[in-house]
Protein backbone atom coordinates (compact mmCIF):
# COMPACT_ATOMS: atom_id res chain seq x y z
CA MET A 1 39.72 -5.37 32.60
CA LYS A 2 38.87 -4.48 29.02
CA GLN A 3 35.97 -2.31 30.18
CA GLN A 4 38.30 -0.06 32.19
CA PHE A 5 40.51 1.08 29.30
CA PRO A 6 38.09 3.66 27.82
CA ILE A 7 37.78 5.46 31.19
CA LEU A 8 41.20 7.13 31.04
CA PRO A 9 40.78 9.00 27.71
CA ILE A 10 37.27 10.07 28.68
CA LEU A 11 38.55 11.43 31.99
CA LEU A 12 41.40 13.32 30.32
CA LEU A 13 39.02 14.81 27.78
CA SER A 14 36.78 15.99 30.58
CA ILE A 15 39.70 17.70 32.31
CA ALA A 16 40.64 19.46 29.09
CA PHE A 17 37.15 20.86 28.58
CA THR A 18 36.62 21.93 32.19
CA ALA A 19 39.94 23.72 32.63
CA CYS A 20 39.63 27.29 33.94
CA ARG A 21 39.88 30.20 31.54
CA LYS A 22 40.00 33.75 32.77
CA GLU A 23 41.13 37.00 31.20
CA ILE A 24 43.49 38.99 33.37
CA THR A 25 45.17 42.35 32.99
CA LEU A 26 48.81 42.46 33.99
CA ASP A 27 49.81 45.42 36.10
CA LEU A 28 53.16 46.19 34.51
CA GLU A 29 54.71 48.95 36.56
CA ASN A 30 56.77 51.57 34.81
CA GLU A 31 60.27 50.75 36.02
CA SER A 32 61.97 53.36 33.88
CA ASN A 33 64.89 55.52 35.03
CA LYS A 34 66.22 52.95 37.50
CA VAL A 35 70.02 52.68 37.79
CA VAL A 36 71.37 49.43 36.31
CA ILE A 37 74.93 48.40 37.23
CA GLU A 38 76.74 45.59 35.37
CA ALA A 39 80.26 44.82 36.62
CA THR A 40 82.68 42.20 35.29
CA VAL A 41 85.92 41.30 37.06
CA SER A 42 87.85 38.35 35.66
CA GLU A 43 91.18 36.75 36.53
CA GLY A 44 94.17 38.75 35.36
CA PRO A 45 95.06 42.41 34.80
CA GLY A 46 91.94 43.34 32.84
CA PRO A 47 90.90 45.99 32.04
CA HIS A 48 87.78 45.14 34.05
CA THR A 49 84.60 47.02 33.22
CA VAL A 50 81.51 48.47 34.86
CA ARG A 51 78.53 49.48 32.67
CA LEU A 52 76.00 51.99 33.99
CA THR A 53 72.63 52.48 32.30
CA ARG A 54 69.07 53.44 33.16
CA SER A 55 66.09 51.13 32.76
CA VAL A 56 63.22 51.94 30.40
CA GLY A 57 59.49 51.28 30.56
CA PHE A 58 57.98 47.95 29.52
CA GLY A 59 56.66 49.28 26.22
CA ALA A 60 59.79 51.23 25.30
CA SER A 61 62.49 50.10 22.89
CA ASN A 62 65.50 48.25 24.27
CA THR A 63 67.70 51.31 24.13
CA PHE A 64 69.08 51.91 27.61
CA PRO A 65 70.47 55.41 28.30
CA ALA A 66 74.08 55.43 29.48
CA ILE A 67 74.96 57.07 32.80
CA SER A 68 77.96 59.37 32.61
CA ASN A 69 79.90 61.34 35.22
CA ALA A 70 79.41 58.72 37.95
CA THR A 71 82.04 57.86 40.57
CA VAL A 72 82.97 54.17 40.45
CA THR A 73 85.47 52.59 42.86
CA LEU A 74 86.60 48.96 42.93
CA SER A 75 88.52 47.49 45.89
CA ASP A 76 89.53 44.02 47.09
CA ASP A 77 90.12 42.22 50.38
CA LEU A 78 93.89 42.84 50.14
CA GLY A 79 93.43 46.59 50.53
CA ASN A 80 93.84 47.49 46.87
CA SER A 81 91.49 50.18 45.57
CA GLU A 82 91.02 52.03 42.28
CA GLN A 83 88.69 54.67 40.92
CA LEU A 84 87.58 53.68 37.43
CA THR A 85 87.80 55.93 34.38
CA GLU A 86 84.86 56.51 32.03
CA THR A 87 86.25 55.42 28.65
CA ALA A 88 82.95 55.55 26.74
CA PRO A 89 79.45 56.77 27.66
CA GLY A 90 78.39 54.65 30.65
CA ILE A 91 81.50 52.40 30.43
CA TYR A 92 84.01 52.61 33.30
CA THR A 93 87.28 50.63 33.19
CA THR A 94 90.16 49.76 35.48
CA SER A 95 93.84 50.31 34.79
CA THR A 96 95.63 48.73 37.78
CA THR A 97 93.26 46.16 39.32
CA VAL A 98 94.39 42.54 38.89
CA GLY A 99 91.65 39.94 39.32
CA GLY A 100 92.47 36.86 41.37
CA GLN A 101 90.66 33.64 42.22
CA GLY A 102 89.35 33.56 45.77
CA ARG A 103 89.58 37.34 46.18
CA THR A 104 86.54 39.33 47.35
CA TYR A 105 85.72 42.56 45.53
CA GLN A 106 83.66 45.55 46.61
CA LEU A 107 82.11 47.97 44.14
CA ASN A 108 80.98 51.45 45.18
CA THR A 109 79.06 53.46 42.60
CA SER A 110 77.79 57.01 43.19
CA VAL A 111 75.10 58.31 40.83
CA ASP A 112 73.25 61.60 41.41
CA GLY A 113 74.18 61.66 45.09
CA THR A 114 73.17 58.05 45.80
CA THR A 115 75.82 55.38 46.51
CA TYR A 116 75.29 51.74 45.55
CA THR A 117 77.52 49.07 47.12
CA ALA A 118 78.03 45.42 46.11
CA LEU A 119 80.31 42.73 47.53
CA CYS A 120 81.24 39.62 45.55
CA PRO A 121 83.89 36.85 45.79
CA MET A 122 85.57 35.52 42.66
CA PRO A 123 85.05 31.71 42.50
CA MET A 124 87.84 29.24 41.83
CA ALA A 125 88.22 28.24 38.19
CA VAL A 126 86.89 24.98 36.76
CA THR A 127 88.64 23.94 33.56
CA MET A 128 86.84 22.70 30.46
CA ASP A 129 88.18 19.24 29.67
CA THR A 130 86.87 18.69 26.13
CA LEU A 131 84.78 20.49 23.52
CA MET A 132 82.74 18.29 21.16
CA ILE A 133 80.19 18.54 18.37
CA ASP A 134 77.49 15.86 18.62
CA SER A 135 74.32 15.08 16.66
CA PHE A 136 70.90 14.85 18.31
CA PRO A 137 67.57 13.81 16.75
CA ALA A 138 65.17 16.71 16.17
CA PHE A 139 61.90 16.68 14.19
CA GLY A 140 62.84 13.75 11.99
CA THR A 141 66.38 14.92 11.30
CA TYR A 142 69.63 15.40 13.21
CA SER A 143 70.96 18.66 14.61
CA ARG A 144 74.61 19.30 15.43
CA MET A 145 75.10 20.76 18.90
CA ILE A 146 78.06 22.05 20.88
CA VAL A 147 78.88 19.95 23.95
CA PRO A 148 81.50 21.12 26.48
CA ALA A 149 82.73 18.52 28.98
CA TYR A 150 84.12 19.33 32.42
CA PHE A 151 84.38 17.85 35.92
CA ASP A 152 82.26 19.73 38.45
CA PRO A 153 83.84 20.01 41.94
CA ALA A 154 81.87 18.10 44.58
CA GLY A 155 80.32 19.68 47.64
CA GLU A 156 80.13 23.28 46.49
CA ALA A 157 77.68 25.37 44.50
CA ASN A 158 79.08 26.25 41.07
CA TYR A 159 77.68 28.42 38.31
CA TYR A 160 78.95 28.62 34.75
CA LYS A 161 78.51 30.93 31.79
CA PHE A 162 79.37 29.87 28.24
CA ASN A 163 80.12 32.35 25.48
CA VAL A 164 79.80 30.89 21.98
CA VAL A 165 81.43 32.38 18.87
CA VAL A 166 80.91 30.75 15.46
CA ASN A 167 82.97 31.96 12.51
CA GLY A 168 83.84 35.11 14.44
CA GLU A 169 80.22 35.98 15.33
CA LYS A 170 79.00 35.91 18.94
CA GLN A 171 75.88 33.77 19.32
CA ALA A 172 72.78 34.39 21.44
CA SER A 173 72.36 31.34 23.65
CA LEU A 174 70.89 29.96 26.87
CA ASP A 175 74.33 29.80 28.40
CA LEU A 176 73.89 29.97 32.21
CA VAL A 177 74.34 26.62 33.97
CA SER A 178 74.35 25.53 37.63
CA ASP A 179 75.48 22.25 39.18
CA ARG A 180 72.25 21.71 41.09
CA PHE A 181 71.77 18.28 39.50
CA THR A 182 75.38 17.55 38.45
CA ASP A 183 77.40 18.25 41.60
CA GLY A 184 80.65 16.28 41.59
CA ASN A 185 80.04 14.66 38.20
CA LEU A 186 81.43 14.73 34.70
CA VAL A 187 79.13 17.19 32.92
CA MET A 188 78.40 16.88 29.19
CA GLN A 189 75.45 19.20 28.65
CA PRO A 190 74.69 20.55 25.14
CA LEU A 191 74.61 24.32 24.67
CA PHE A 192 71.34 25.57 23.20
CA VAL A 193 72.16 28.29 20.70
CA ASN A 194 69.23 30.09 19.06
CA GLY A 195 68.92 29.32 15.35
CA LEU A 196 72.41 27.86 15.00
CA GLU A 197 72.90 25.23 12.29
CA LEU A 198 76.50 24.09 12.21
CA GLU A 199 78.06 23.12 8.90
CA ARG A 200 81.26 21.32 8.01
CA GLY A 201 84.15 23.77 8.15
CA ASP A 202 82.61 26.11 10.73
CA VAL A 203 84.99 27.44 13.37
CA VAL A 204 83.52 27.25 16.89
CA GLU A 205 85.00 29.00 19.91
CA VAL A 206 83.57 28.48 23.40
CA THR A 207 84.69 30.38 26.50
CA MET A 208 83.72 28.86 29.85
CA GLU A 209 83.42 31.26 32.78
CA CYS A 210 82.94 30.39 36.45
CA ILE A 211 80.66 33.05 37.92
CA ALA A 212 79.60 33.99 41.41
CA PRO A 213 76.02 33.17 42.51
């Protein structure tokens, strides 16, 4: 048995040295000037917003031109309909639409003679039960992380979005979560916030949103 132990590291070393290496050139198509529509309808009277921009090429800066003078209409499955008003360049808002759980909404957007249509139901709300700060080992020290706790409904696909604000400043985070591996369970999954180091006395605000797939 002792003679077999050296075989494994030798085999692994061989795999490492014989791995394929090939230079490739990515064909990054220029996807500039495409219409990008971002719509948010939440529960309650709003105002709810639709943001219209145009895409830019891969090598361009992340400055997306706003689309003005479009026609944007939002309706629901109860027969309510409203044409949105452009309140800022590329930003269109509602004034009468009231968002409701379980309602299905249709968005019609006309830009330069082309109409784009989307249909989306608003999911039922899942309530956050507890919000905690816990410490986790990381690189020889401990890091404080934000941990929301909630009960995921069983037997249905649920998707969540978490918005994190620390001391009044919105944080950039990996905040989209599905229940693919947690269906029907108590979920206590840390939120990974880029570069955040919490200190004693910090004020943390977390908003949990249930979003449509």
